Amino acid sequence: MGVAPPSELLRARSDAGVYIGQMARDPNTDPPDWWDWDLAFIPHVESRMEERRFSEVDLRAMLADAVEISPAKRPGRYLVSTRFRGQAWTVVLEPDPDDPLVFVVTAYPNERS
């Protein structure tokens, strides 16, 4: 059984392509071209999932509820702003255009949200 890309969980979307500049984007109206790619989970996020008590299903729901995508300080990574359990969270993603896959690096609750 295949893993559904985050876009299948999103509401109406556009087919916007290349990420332009350092501005944040709304994943519901202006998603990056890699938003449709399959997700892959690195070992780091798998340990954080257990530690922070969230599942792959929870993470996919967080991506479906994303309100903003912005570039991270580390080149090639993106920060997804979302909510989970009534609190603001950040999910760190790293798209791999050679595969194409989106690696989930980590997810964490924001302080005082």
PDB file of N, CA and C in Angstrom:
ATOM      1  N   MET A   1       0.845  -1.183   0.000  1.00  0.00           N
ATOM      2  CA  MET A   1       0.000   0.000   0.000  1.00  0.00           C
ATOM      3  C   MET A   1       0.883   1.235   0.000  1.00  0.00           C
ATOM      4  N   GLY A   2       0.653   2.174  -0.923  1.00  0.00           N
ATOM      5  CA  GLY A   2       1.462   3.376  -1.035  1.00  0.00           C
ATOM      6  C   GLY A   2       1.141   4.388   0.052  1.00  0.00           C
ATOM      7  N   VAL A   3       2.064   5.266   0.266  1.00  0.00           N
ATOM      8  CA  VAL A   3       1.899   6.323   1.248  1.00  0.00           C
ATOM      9  C   VAL A   3       1.370   7.555   0.529  1.00  0.00           C
ATOM     10  N   ALA A   4       0.263   8.093   1.017  1.00  0.00           N
ATOM     11  CA  ALA A   4      -0.348   9.259   0.371  1.00  0.00           C
ATOM     12  C   ALA A   4       0.496  10.503   0.592  1.00  0.00           C
ATOM     13  N   PRO A   5       0.694  11.298  -0.460  1.00  0.00           N
ATOM     14  CA  PRO A   5       1.435  12.551  -0.290  1.00  0.00           C
ATOM     15  C   PRO A   5       0.604  13.549   0.503  1.00  0.00           C
ATOM     16  N   PRO A   6       1.256  14.542   1.122  1.00  0.00           N
ATOM     17  CA  PRO A   6       0.532  15.508   1.923  1.00  0.00           C
ATOM     18  C   PRO A   6      -0.570  16.219   1.161  1.00  0.00           C
ATOM     19  N   SER A   7      -0.398  16.410  -0.142  1.00  0.00           N
ATOM     20  CA  SER A   7      -1.390  17.171  -0.903  1.00  0.00           C
ATOM     21  C   SER A   7      -2.753  16.496  -0.921  1.00  0.00           C
ATOM     22  N   GLU A   8      -2.785  15.170  -0.783  1.00  0.00           N
ATOM     23  CA  GLU A   8      -4.069  14.491  -0.767  1.00  0.00           C
ATOM     24  C   GLU A   8      -4.862  14.849   0.477  1.00  0.00           C
ATOM     25  N   LEU A   9      -4.190  15.358   1.483  1.00  0.00           N
ATOM     26  CA  LEU A   9      -4.857  15.750   2.703  1.00  0.00           C
ATOM     27  C   LEU A   9      -5.208  17.231   2.713  1.00  0.00           C
ATOM     28  N   LEU A  10      -4.694  17.956   1.746  1.00  0.00           N
ATOM     29  CA  LEU A  10      -4.916  19.401   1.705  1.00  0.00           C
ATOM     30  C   LEU A  10      -6.207  19.740   0.988  1.00  0.00           C
ATOM     31  N   ARG A  11      -6.698  20.912   1.305  1.00  0.00           N
ATOM     32  CA  ARG A  11      -7.863  21.442   0.611  1.00  0.00           C
ATOM     33  C   ARG A  11      -7.434  21.982  -0.755  1.00  0.00           C
ATOM     34  N   ALA A  12      -8.200  22.900  -1.318  1.00  0.00           N
ATOM     35  CA  ALA A  12      -7.907  23.443  -2.654  1.00  0.00           C
ATOM     36  C   ALA A  12      -6.475  23.943  -2.748  1.00  0.00           C
ATOM     37  N   ARG A  13      -5.835  23.659  -3.868  1.00  0.00           N
ATOM     38  CA  ARG A  13      -4.430  24.025  -4.062  1.00  0.00           C
ATOM     39  C   ARG A  13      -4.213  24.567  -5.459  1.00  0.00           C
ATOM     40  N   SER A  14      -3.123  25.272  -5.623  1.00  0.00           N
ATOM     41  CA  SER A  14      -2.725  25.714  -6.965  1.00  0.00           C
ATOM     42  C   SER A  14      -1.571  24.840  -7.424  1.00  0.00           C
ATOM     43  N   ASP A  15      -1.185  24.976  -8.665  1.00  0.00           N
ATOM     44  CA  ASP A  15      -0.061  24.209  -9.192  1.00  0.00           C
ATOM     45  C   ASP A  15       1.181  25.074  -9.292  1.00  0.00           C
ATOM     46  N   ALA A  16       1.406  25.921  -8.299  1.00  0.00           N
ATOM     47  CA  ALA A  16       2.583  26.797  -8.294  1.00  0.00           C
ATOM     48  C   ALA A  16       3.845  25.942  -8.312  1.00  0.00           C
ATOM     49  N   GLY A  17       4.879  26.448  -8.930  1.00  0.00           N
ATOM     50  CA  GLY A  17       6.089  25.675  -9.100  1.00  0.00           C
ATOM     51  C   GLY A  17       7.221  26.030  -8.180  1.00  0.00           C
ATOM     52  N   VAL A  18       8.160  26.780  -8.654  1.00  0.00           N
ATOM     53  CA  VAL A  18       9.441  27.006  -8.002  1.00  0.00           C
ATOM     54  C   VAL A  18       9.299  27.920  -6.788  1.00  0.00           C
ATOM     55  N   TYR A  19      10.046  27.592  -5.743  1.00  0.00           N
ATOM     56  CA  TYR A  19      10.072  28.436  -4.552  1.00  0.00           C
ATOM     57  C   TYR A  19      10.822  29.708  -4.884  1.00  0.00           C
ATOM     58  N   ILE A  20      10.217  30.859  -4.631  1.00  0.00           N
ATOM     59  CA  ILE A  20      10.814  32.138  -5.001  1.00  0.00           C
ATOM     60  C   ILE A  20      11.242  32.890  -3.758  1.00  0.00           C
ATOM     61  N   GLY A  21      12.503  33.291  -3.695  1.00  0.00           N
ATOM     62  CA  GLY A  21      12.998  34.132  -2.609  1.00  0.00           C
ATOM     63  C   GLY A  21      12.934  33.470  -1.248  1.00  0.00           C
ATOM     64  N   GLN A  22      12.881  34.295  -0.206  1.00  0.00           N
ATOM     65  CA  GLN A  22      12.877  33.808   1.164  1.00  0.00           C
ATOM     66  C   GLN A  22      11.525  34.032   1.836  1.00  0.00           C
ATOM     67  N   MET A  23      10.491  34.234   1.060  1.00  0.00           N
ATOM     68  CA  MET A  23       9.173  34.505   1.621  1.00  0.00           C
ATOM     69  C   MET A  23       8.480  33.216   2.016  1.00  0.00           C
ATOM     70  N   ALA A  24       7.650  33.312   3.048  1.00  0.00           N
ATOM     71  CA  ALA A  24       6.848  32.166   3.462  1.00  0.00           C
ATOM     72  C   ALA A  24       5.700  31.974   2.472  1.00  0.00           C
ATOM     73  N   ARG A  25       5.213  30.745   2.406  1.00  0.00           N
ATOM     74  CA  ARG A  25       4.126  30.408   1.490  1.00  0.00           C
ATOM     75  C   ARG A  25       2.992  29.756   2.257  1.00  0.00           C
ATOM     76  N   ASP A  26       1.791  29.910   1.743  1.00  0.00           N
ATOM     77  CA  ASP A  26       0.625  29.230   2.282  1.00  0.00           C
ATOM     78  C   ASP A  26       0.485  27.911   1.524  1.00  0.00           C
ATOM     79  N   PRO A  27       0.603  26.766   2.190  1.00  0.00           N
ATOM     80  CA  PRO A  27       0.546  25.486   1.489  1.00  0.00           C
ATOM     81  C   PRO A  27      -0.814  25.188   0.875  1.00  0.00           C
ATOM     82  N   ASN A  28      -1.840  25.889   1.320  1.00  0.00           N
ATOM     83  CA  ASN A  28      -3.170  25.651   0.781  1.00  0.00           C
ATOM     84  C   ASN A  28      -3.422  26.404  -0.514  1.00  0.00           C
ATOM     85  N   THR A  29      -2.769  27.543  -0.714  1.00  0.00           N
ATOM     86  CA  THR A  29      -2.995  28.333  -1.916  1.00  0.00           C
ATOM     87  C   THR A  29      -1.756  28.465  -2.793  1.00  0.00           C
ATOM     88  N   ASP A  30      -0.574  28.266  -2.241  1.00  0.00           N
ATOM     89  CA  ASP A  30       0.666  28.435  -2.999  1.00  0.00           C
ATOM     90  C   ASP A  30       1.706  27.404  -2.566  1.00  0.00           C
ATOM     91  N   PRO A  31       1.408  26.111  -2.728  1.00  0.00           N
ATOM     92  CA  PRO A  31       2.340  25.082  -2.263  1.00  0.00           C
ATOM     93  C   PRO A  31       3.576  24.993  -3.154  1.00  0.00           C
ATOM     94  N   PRO A  32       4.708  24.603  -2.574  1.00  0.00           N
ATOM     95  CA  PRO A  32       5.900  24.366  -3.407  1.00  0.00           C
ATOM     96  C   PRO A  32       5.673  23.139  -4.288  1.00  0.00           C
ATOM     97  N   ASP A  33       6.449  23.018  -5.352  1.00  0.00           N
ATOM     98  CA  ASP A  33       6.256  21.909  -6.289  1.00  0.00           C
ATOM     99  C   ASP A  33       6.469  20.542  -5.649  1.00  0.00           C
ATOM    100  N   TRP A  34       7.255  20.452  -4.584  1.00  0.00           N
ATOM    101  CA  TRP A  34       7.535  19.166  -3.933  1.00  0.00           C
ATOM    102  C   TRP A  34       6.470  18.767  -2.928  1.00  0.00           C
ATOM    103  N   TRP A  35       5.465  19.560  -2.692  1.00  0.00           N
ATOM    104  CA  TRP A  35       4.446  19.274  -1.672  1.00  0.00           C
ATOM    105  C   TRP A  35       3.699  17.972  -1.960  1.00  0.00           C
ATOM    106  N   ASP A  36       3.651  17.543  -3.227  1.00  0.00           N
ATOM    107  CA  ASP A  36       2.959  16.311  -3.629  1.00  0.00           C
ATOM    108  C   ASP A  36       3.797  15.044  -3.462  1.00  0.00           C
ATOM    109  N   TRP A  37       5.070  15.189  -3.231  1.00  0.00           N
ATOM    110  CA  TRP A  37       5.948  14.021  -3.196  1.00  0.00           C
ATOM    111  C   TRP A  37       5.664  13.152  -1.972  1.00  0.00           C
ATOM    112  N   ASP A  38       6.034  11.866  -2.075  1.00  0.00           N
ATOM    113  CA  ASP A  38       5.885  10.944  -0.946  1.00  0.00           C
ATOM    114  C   ASP A  38       6.780  11.360   0.201  1.00  0.00           C
ATOM    115  N   LEU A  39       6.351  11.018   1.410  1.00  0.00           N
ATOM    116  CA  LEU A  39       7.138  11.307   2.601  1.00  0.00           C
ATOM    117  C   LEU A  39       8.044  10.134   2.945  1.00  0.00           C
ATOM    118  N   ALA A  40       9.210  10.454   3.483  1.00  0.00           N
ATOM    119  CA  ALA A  40      10.138   9.454   4.019  1.00  0.00           C
ATOM    120  C   ALA A  40      10.529   9.932   5.416  1.00  0.00           C
ATOM    121  N   PHE A  41      10.636   9.002   6.343  1.00  0.00           N
ATOM    122  CA  PHE A  41      10.908   9.342   7.740  1.00  0.00           C
ATOM    123  C   PHE A  41      12.315   8.904   8.114  1.00  0.00           C
ATOM    124  N   ILE A  42      13.153   9.872   8.520  1.00  0.00           N
ATOM    125  CA  ILE A  42      14.510   9.529   8.924  1.00  0.00           C
ATOM    126  C   ILE A  42      14.480   9.012  10.366  1.00  0.00           C
ATOM    127  N   PRO A  43      15.496   8.277  10.789  1.00  0.00           N
ATOM    128  CA  PRO A  43      15.502   7.723  12.149  1.00  0.00           C
ATOM    129  C   PRO A  43      15.341   8.779  13.245  1.00  0.00           C
ATOM    130  N   HIS A  44      15.889   9.974  13.037  1.00  0.00           N
ATOM    131  CA  HIS A  44      15.780  11.018  14.048  1.00  0.00           C
ATOM    132  C   HIS A  44      14.320  11.339  14.358  1.00  0.00           C
ATOM    133  N   VAL A  45      13.508  11.539  13.313  1.00  0.00           N
ATOM    134  CA  VAL A  45      12.109  11.887  13.555  1.00  0.00           C
ATOM    135  C   VAL A  45      11.353  10.708  14.154  1.00  0.00           C
ATOM    136  N   GLU A  46      11.732   9.502  13.795  1.00  0.00           N
ATOM    137  CA  GLU A  46      11.056   8.343  14.375  1.00  0.00           C
ATOM    138  C   GLU A  46      11.264   8.286  15.888  1.00  0.00           C
ATOM    139  N   SER A  47      12.461   8.611  16.352  1.00  0.00           N
ATOM    140  CA  SER A  47      12.691   8.633  17.801  1.00  0.00           C
ATOM    141  C   SER A  47      11.953   9.794  18.454  1.00  0.00           C
ATOM    142  N   ARG A  48      11.865  10.931  17.750  1.00  0.00           N
ATOM    143  CA  ARG A  48      11.129  12.082  18.291  1.00  0.00           C
ATOM    144  C   ARG A  48       9.633  11.802  18.347  1.00  0.00           C
ATOM    145  N   MET A  49       9.128  11.023  17.408  1.00  0.00           N
ATOM    146  CA  MET A  49       7.711  10.667  17.405  1.00  0.00           C
ATOM    147  C   MET A  49       7.354   9.916  18.688  1.00  0.00           C
ATOM    148  N   GLU A  50       8.200   8.998  19.059  1.00  0.00           N
ATOM    149  CA  GLU A  50       7.971   8.233  20.289  1.00  0.00           C
ATOM    150  C   GLU A  50       8.120   9.143  21.511  1.00  0.00           C
ATOM    151  N   GLU A  51       9.172   9.920  21.529  1.00  0.00           N
ATOM    152  CA  GLU A  51       9.470  10.810  22.656  1.00  0.00           C
ATOM    153  C   GLU A  51       8.389  11.878  22.856  1.00  0.00           C
ATOM    154  N   ARG A  52       7.884  12.434  21.749  1.00  0.00           N
ATOM    155  CA  ARG A  52       6.905  13.528  21.825  1.00  0.00           C
ATOM    156  C   ARG A  52       5.471  13.049  21.658  1.00  0.00           C
ATOM    157  N   ARG A  53       5.313  11.750  21.583  1.00  0.00           N
ATOM    158  CA  ARG A  53       4.002  11.090  21.553  1.00  0.00           C
ATOM    159  C   ARG A  53       3.108  11.543  20.405  1.00  0.00           C
ATOM    160  N   PHE A  54       3.632  11.385  19.182  1.00  0.00           N
ATOM    161  CA  PHE A  54       2.801  11.588  18.002  1.00  0.00           C
ATOM    162  C   PHE A  54       3.144  10.501  16.989  1.00  0.00           C
ATOM    163  N   SER A  55       2.190  10.207  16.141  1.00  0.00           N
ATOM    164  CA  SER A  55       2.325   9.118  15.176  1.00  0.00           C
ATOM    165  C   SER A  55       2.495   9.668  13.753  1.00  0.00           C
ATOM    166  N   GLU A  56       2.705   8.761  12.816  1.00  0.00           N
ATOM    167  CA  GLU A  56       2.772   9.158  11.413  1.00  0.00           C
ATOM    168  C   GLU A  56       1.439   9.762  10.980  1.00  0.00           C
ATOM    169  N   VAL A  57       0.345   9.201  11.451  1.00  0.00           N
ATOM    170  CA  VAL A  57      -0.973   9.740  11.124  1.00  0.00           C
ATOM    171  C   VAL A  57      -1.109  11.165  11.676  1.00  0.00           C
ATOM    172  N   ASP A  58      -0.647  11.375  12.919  1.00  0.00           N
ATOM    173  CA  ASP A  58      -0.672  12.721  13.506  1.00  0.00           C
ATOM    174  C   ASP A  58       0.168  13.685  12.666  1.00  0.00           C
ATOM    175  N   LEU A  59       1.338  13.232  12.240  1.00  0.00           N
ATOM    176  CA  LEU A  59       2.220  14.088  11.457  1.00  0.00           C
ATOM    177  C   LEU A  59       1.589  14.453  10.119  1.00  0.00           C
ATOM    178  N   ARG A  60       0.952  13.498   9.486  1.00  0.00           N
ATOM    179  CA  ARG A  60       0.274  13.785   8.221  1.00  0.00           C
ATOM    180  C   ARG A  60      -0.880  14.768   8.430  1.00  0.00           C
ATOM    181  N   ALA A  61      -1.569  14.647   9.553  1.00  0.00           N
ATOM    182  CA  ALA A  61      -2.638  15.603   9.869  1.00  0.00           C
ATOM    183  C   ALA A  61      -2.050  16.993  10.103  1.00  0.00           C
ATOM    184  N   MET A  62      -0.884  17.058  10.764  1.00  0.00           N
ATOM    185  CA  MET A  62      -0.225  18.343  10.965  1.00  0.00           C
ATOM    186  C   MET A  62       0.101  18.993   9.619  1.00  0.00           C
ATOM    187  N   LEU A  63       0.590  18.191   8.672  1.00  0.00           N
ATOM    188  CA  LEU A  63       0.909  18.737   7.352  1.00  0.00           C
ATOM    189  C   LEU A  63      -0.358  19.170   6.622  1.00  0.00           C
ATOM    190  N   ALA A  64      -1.431  18.438   6.812  1.00  0.00           N
ATOM    191  CA  ALA A  64      -2.701  18.814   6.188  1.00  0.00           C
ATOM    192  C   ALA A  64      -3.219  20.134   6.747  1.00  0.00           C
ATOM    193  N   ASP A  65      -2.899  20.409   8.008  1.00  0.00           N
ATOM    194  CA  ASP A  65      -3.336  21.644   8.664  1.00  0.00           C
ATOM    195  C   ASP A  65      -2.289  22.755   8.599  1.00  0.00           C
ATOM    196  N   ALA A  66      -1.262  22.567   7.788  1.00  0.00           N
ATOM    197  CA  ALA A  66      -0.185  23.557   7.701  1.00  0.00           C
ATOM    198  C   ALA A  66      -0.716  24.923   7.304  1.00  0.00           C
ATOM    199  N   VAL A  67      -0.160  25.957   7.928  1.00  0.00           N
ATOM    200  CA  VAL A  67      -0.579  27.324   7.612  1.00  0.00           C
ATOM    201  C   VAL A  67       0.527  28.117   6.920  1.00  0.00           C
ATOM    202  N   GLU A  68       1.768  27.621   6.999  1.00  0.00           N
ATOM    203  CA  GLU A  68       2.871  28.363   6.380  1.00  0.00           C
ATOM    204  C   GLU A  68       4.055  27.434   6.152  1.00  0.00           C
ATOM    205  N   ILE A  69       4.740  27.659   5.046  1.00  0.00           N
ATOM    206  CA  ILE A  69       5.999  26.968   4.742  1.00  0.00           C
ATOM    207  C   ILE A  69       7.032  28.055   4.499  1.00  0.00           C
ATOM    208  N   SER A  70       8.166  27.952   5.197  1.00  0.00           N
ATOM    209  CA  SER A  70       9.226  28.938   5.000  1.00  0.00           C
ATOM    210  C   SER A  70      10.575  28.228   4.972  1.00  0.00           C
ATOM    211  N   PRO A  71      11.555  28.815   4.293  1.00  0.00           N
ATOM    212  CA  PRO A  71      12.877  28.196   4.243  1.00  0.00           C
ATOM    213  C   PRO A  71      13.530  28.217   5.624  1.00  0.00           C
ATOM    214  N   ALA A  72      14.223  27.134   5.952  1.00  0.00           N
ATOM    215  CA  ALA A  72      14.973  27.058   7.207  1.00  0.00           C
ATOM    216  C   ALA A  72      16.327  27.728   7.017  1.00  0.00           C
ATOM    217  N   LYS A  73      17.042  27.916   8.108  1.00  0.00           N
ATOM    218  CA  LYS A  73      18.397  28.482   8.005  1.00  0.00           C
ATOM    219  C   LYS A  73      19.319  27.536   7.255  1.00  0.00           C
ATOM    220  N   ARG A  74      19.108  26.244   7.440  1.00  0.00           N
ATOM    221  CA  ARG A  74      19.925  25.253   6.744  1.00  0.00           C
ATOM    222  C   ARG A  74      19.411  25.116   5.312  1.00  0.00           C
ATOM    223  N   PRO A  75      20.241  25.360   4.320  1.00  0.00           N
ATOM    224  CA  PRO A  75      19.808  25.283   2.918  1.00  0.00           C
ATOM    225  C   PRO A  75      19.174  23.942   2.577  1.00  0.00           C
ATOM    226  N   GLY A  76      18.077  23.996   1.825  1.00  0.00           N
ATOM    227  CA  GLY A  76      17.403  22.786   1.381  1.00  0.00           C
ATOM    228  C   GLY A  76      16.333  22.282   2.329  1.00  0.00           C
ATOM    229  N   ARG A  77      16.222  22.899   3.501  1.00  0.00           N
ATOM    230  CA  ARG A  77      15.208  22.489   4.466  1.00  0.00           C
ATOM    231  C   ARG A  77      14.137  23.562   4.584  1.00  0.00           C
ATOM    232  N   TYR A  78      12.943  23.109   4.977  1.00  0.00           N
ATOM    233  CA  TYR A  78      11.799  24.013   5.105  1.00  0.00           C
ATOM    234  C   TYR A  78      11.098  23.778   6.430  1.00  0.00           C
ATOM    235  N   LEU A  79      10.571  24.855   6.985  1.00  0.00           N
ATOM    236  CA  LEU A  79       9.833  24.815   8.235  1.00  0.00           C
ATOM    237  C   LEU A  79       8.354  24.934   7.922  1.00  0.00           C
ATOM    238  N   VAL A  80       7.584  23.999   8.421  1.00  0.00           N
ATOM    239  CA  VAL A  80       6.138  24.002   8.218  1.00  0.00           C
ATOM    240  C   VAL A  80       5.491  24.363   9.546  1.00  0.00           C
ATOM    241  N   SER A  81       4.751  25.464   9.555  1.00  0.00           N
ATOM    242  CA  SER A  81       4.029  25.894  10.754  1.00  0.00           C
ATOM    243  C   SER A  81       2.654  25.243  10.742  1.00  0.00           C
ATOM    244  N   THR A  82       2.293  24.638  11.879  1.00  0.00           N
ATOM    245  CA  THR A  82       1.034  23.918  11.965  1.00  0.00           C
ATOM    246  C   THR A  82       0.554  23.904  13.409  1.00  0.00           C
ATOM    247  N   ARG A  83      -0.510  23.155  13.676  1.00  0.00           N
ATOM    248  CA  ARG A  83      -1.018  23.007  15.043  1.00  0.00           C
ATOM    249  C   ARG A  83      -1.268  21.527  15.310  1.00  0.00           C
ATOM    250  N   PHE A  84      -1.094  21.148  16.574  1.00  0.00           N
ATOM    251  CA  PHE A  84      -1.342  19.774  17.007  1.00  0.00           C
ATOM    252  C   PHE A  84      -1.685  19.823  18.489  1.00  0.00           C
ATOM    253  N   ARG A  85      -2.782  19.170  18.842  1.00  0.00           N
ATOM    254  CA  ARG A  85      -3.251  19.169  20.233  1.00  0.00           C
ATOM    255  C   ARG A  85      -3.432  20.587  20.778  1.00  0.00           C
ATOM    256  N   GLY A  86      -3.924  21.485  19.948  1.00  0.00           N
ATOM    257  CA  GLY A  86      -4.191  22.854  20.371  1.00  0.00           C
ATOM    258  C   GLY A  86      -2.963  23.719  20.565  1.00  0.00           C
ATOM    259  N   GLN A  87      -1.814  23.250  20.087  1.00  0.00           N
ATOM    260  CA  GLN A  87      -0.561  23.977  20.274  1.00  0.00           C
ATOM    261  C   GLN A  87       0.128  24.163  18.926  1.00  0.00           C
ATOM    262  N   ALA A  88       0.872  25.254  18.779  1.00  0.00           N
ATOM    263  CA  ALA A  88       1.652  25.480  17.559  1.00  0.00           C
ATOM    264  C   ALA A  88       2.833  24.512  17.514  1.00  0.00           C
ATOM    265  N   TRP A  89       3.056  23.924  16.349  1.00  0.00           N
ATOM    266  CA  TRP A  89       4.165  22.999  16.113  1.00  0.00           C
ATOM    267  C   TRP A  89       4.906  23.422  14.855  1.00  0.00           C
ATOM    268  N   THR A  90       6.146  22.948  14.743  1.00  0.00           N
ATOM    269  CA  THR A  90       6.945  23.115  13.531  1.00  0.00           C
ATOM    270  C   THR A  90       7.373  21.734  13.053  1.00  0.00           C
ATOM    271  N   VAL A  91       7.207  21.496  11.761  1.00  0.00           N
ATOM    272  CA  VAL A  91       7.689  20.264  11.126  1.00  0.00           C
ATOM    273  C   VAL A  91       8.793  20.683  10.171  1.00  0.00           C
ATOM    274  N   VAL A  92       9.938  20.007  10.252  1.00  0.00           N
ATOM    275  CA  VAL A  92      11.074  20.312   9.380  1.00  0.00           C
ATOM    276  C   VAL A  92      11.110  19.270   8.263  1.00  0.00           C
ATOM    277  N   LEU A  93      11.084  19.758   7.025  1.00  0.00           N
ATOM    278  CA  LEU A  93      11.089  18.894   5.850  1.00  0.00           C
ATOM    279  C   LEU A  93      12.300  19.196   4.978  1.00  0.00           C
ATOM    280  N   GLU A  94      12.790  18.154   4.305  1.00  0.00           N
ATOM    281  CA  GLU A  94      13.902  18.319   3.361  1.00  0.00           C
ATOM    282  C   GLU A  94      13.581  17.566   2.076  1.00  0.00           C
ATOM    283  N   PRO A  95      13.134  18.291   1.049  1.00  0.00           N
ATOM    284  CA  PRO A  95      12.835  17.625  -0.223  1.00  0.00           C
ATOM    285  C   PRO A  95      14.115  17.169  -0.923  1.00  0.00           C
ATOM    286  N   ASP A  96      14.036  15.998  -1.551  1.00  0.00           N
ATOM    287  CA  ASP A  96      15.160  15.464  -2.324  1.00  0.00           C
ATOM    288  C   ASP A  96      14.733  15.360  -3.778  1.00  0.00           C
ATOM    289  N   PRO A  97      15.125  16.328  -4.607  1.00  0.00           N
ATOM    290  CA  PRO A  97      14.676  16.331  -6.002  1.00  0.00           C
ATOM    291  C   PRO A  97      15.224  15.167  -6.821  1.00  0.00           C
ATOM    292  N   ASP A  98      16.266  14.515  -6.356  1.00  0.00           N
ATOM    293  CA  ASP A  98      16.827  13.387  -7.105  1.00  0.00           C
ATOM    294  C   ASP A  98      15.966  12.137  -6.981  1.00  0.00           C
ATOM    295  N   ASP A  99      15.142  12.053  -5.918  1.00  0.00           N
ATOM    296  CA  ASP A  99      14.386  10.828  -5.676  1.00  0.00           C
ATOM    297  C   ASP A  99      12.999  10.763  -6.314  1.00  0.00           C
ATOM    298  N   PRO A 100      12.088  11.579  -6.330  1.00  0.00           N
ATOM    299  CA  PRO A 100      11.746  12.707  -5.461  1.00  0.00           C
ATOM    300  C   PRO A 100      10.972  12.256  -4.218  1.00  0.00           C
ATOM    301  N   LEU A 101      11.516  12.600  -3.083  1.00  0.00           N
ATOM    302  CA  LEU A 101      10.917  12.326  -1.778  1.00  0.00           C
ATOM    303  C   LEU A 101      11.041  13.568  -0.909  1.00  0.00           C
ATOM    304  N   VAL A 102      10.177  13.660   0.077  1.00  0.00           N
ATOM    305  CA  VAL A 102      10.297  14.708   1.086  1.00  0.00           C
ATOM    306  C   VAL A 102      10.631  14.008   2.393  1.00  0.00           C
ATOM    307  N   PHE A 103      11.837  14.264   2.902  1.00  0.00           N
ATOM    308  CA  PHE A 103      12.254  13.665   4.160  1.00  0.00           C
ATOM    309  C   PHE A 103      11.725  14.486   5.317  1.00  0.00           C
ATOM    310  N   VAL A 104      11.077  13.806   6.247  1.00  0.00           N
ATOM    311  CA  VAL A 104      10.631  14.454   7.474  1.00  0.00           C
ATOM    312  C   VAL A 104      11.807  14.374   8.430  1.00  0.00           C
ATOM    313  N   VAL A 105      12.365  15.515   8.796  1.00  0.00           N
ATOM    314  CA  VAL A 105      13.561  15.590   9.625  1.00  0.00           C
ATOM    315  C   VAL A 105      13.197  15.537  11.099  1.00  0.00           C
ATOM    316  N   THR A 106      12.235  16.366  11.507  1.00  0.00           N
ATOM    317  CA  THR A 106      11.800  16.399  12.905  1.00  0.00           C
ATOM    318  C   THR A 106      10.488  17.152  12.987  1.00  0.00           C
ATOM    319  N   ALA A 107       9.858  17.104  14.146  1.00  0.00           N
ATOM    320  CA  ALA A 107       8.666  17.888  14.453  1.00  0.00           C
ATOM    321  C   ALA A 107       8.703  18.175  15.942  1.00  0.00           C
ATOM    322  N   TYR A 108       8.337  19.404  16.291  1.00  0.00           N
ATOM    323  CA  TYR A 108       8.405  19.790  17.695  1.00  0.00           C
ATOM    324  C   TYR A 108       7.370  20.857  18.025  1.00  0.00           C
ATOM    325  N   PRO A 109       6.916  20.868  19.278  1.00  0.00           N
ATOM    326  CA  PRO A 109       5.984  21.934  19.688  1.00  0.00           C
ATOM    327  C   PRO A 109       6.757  23.221  19.884  1.00  0.00           C
ATOM    328  N   ASN A 110       6.130  24.337  19.518  1.00  0.00           N
ATOM    329  CA  ASN A 110       6.750  25.641  19.727  1.00  0.00           C
ATOM    330  C   ASN A 110       6.556  26.047  21.180  1.00  0.00           C
ATOM    331  N   GLU A 111       7.495  26.773  21.715  1.00  0.00           N
ATOM    332  CA  GLU A 111       7.395  27.260  23.088  1.00  0.00           C
ATOM    333  C   GLU A 111       6.296  28.300  23.186  1.00  0.00           C
ATOM    334  N   ARG A 112       5.540  28.229  24.254  1.00  0.00           N
ATOM    335  CA  ARG A 112       4.514  29.235  24.580  1.00  0.00           C
ATOM    336  C   ARG A 112       3.609  29.577  23.415  1.00  0.00           C
ATOM    337  N   SER A 113       2.942  28.593  22.869  1.00  0.00           N
ATOM    338  CA  SER A 113       2.019  28.865  21.756  1.00  0.00           C
ATOM    339  C   SER A 113       0.588  28.715  22.198  1.00  0.00           C
TER     340      SER A 113
END
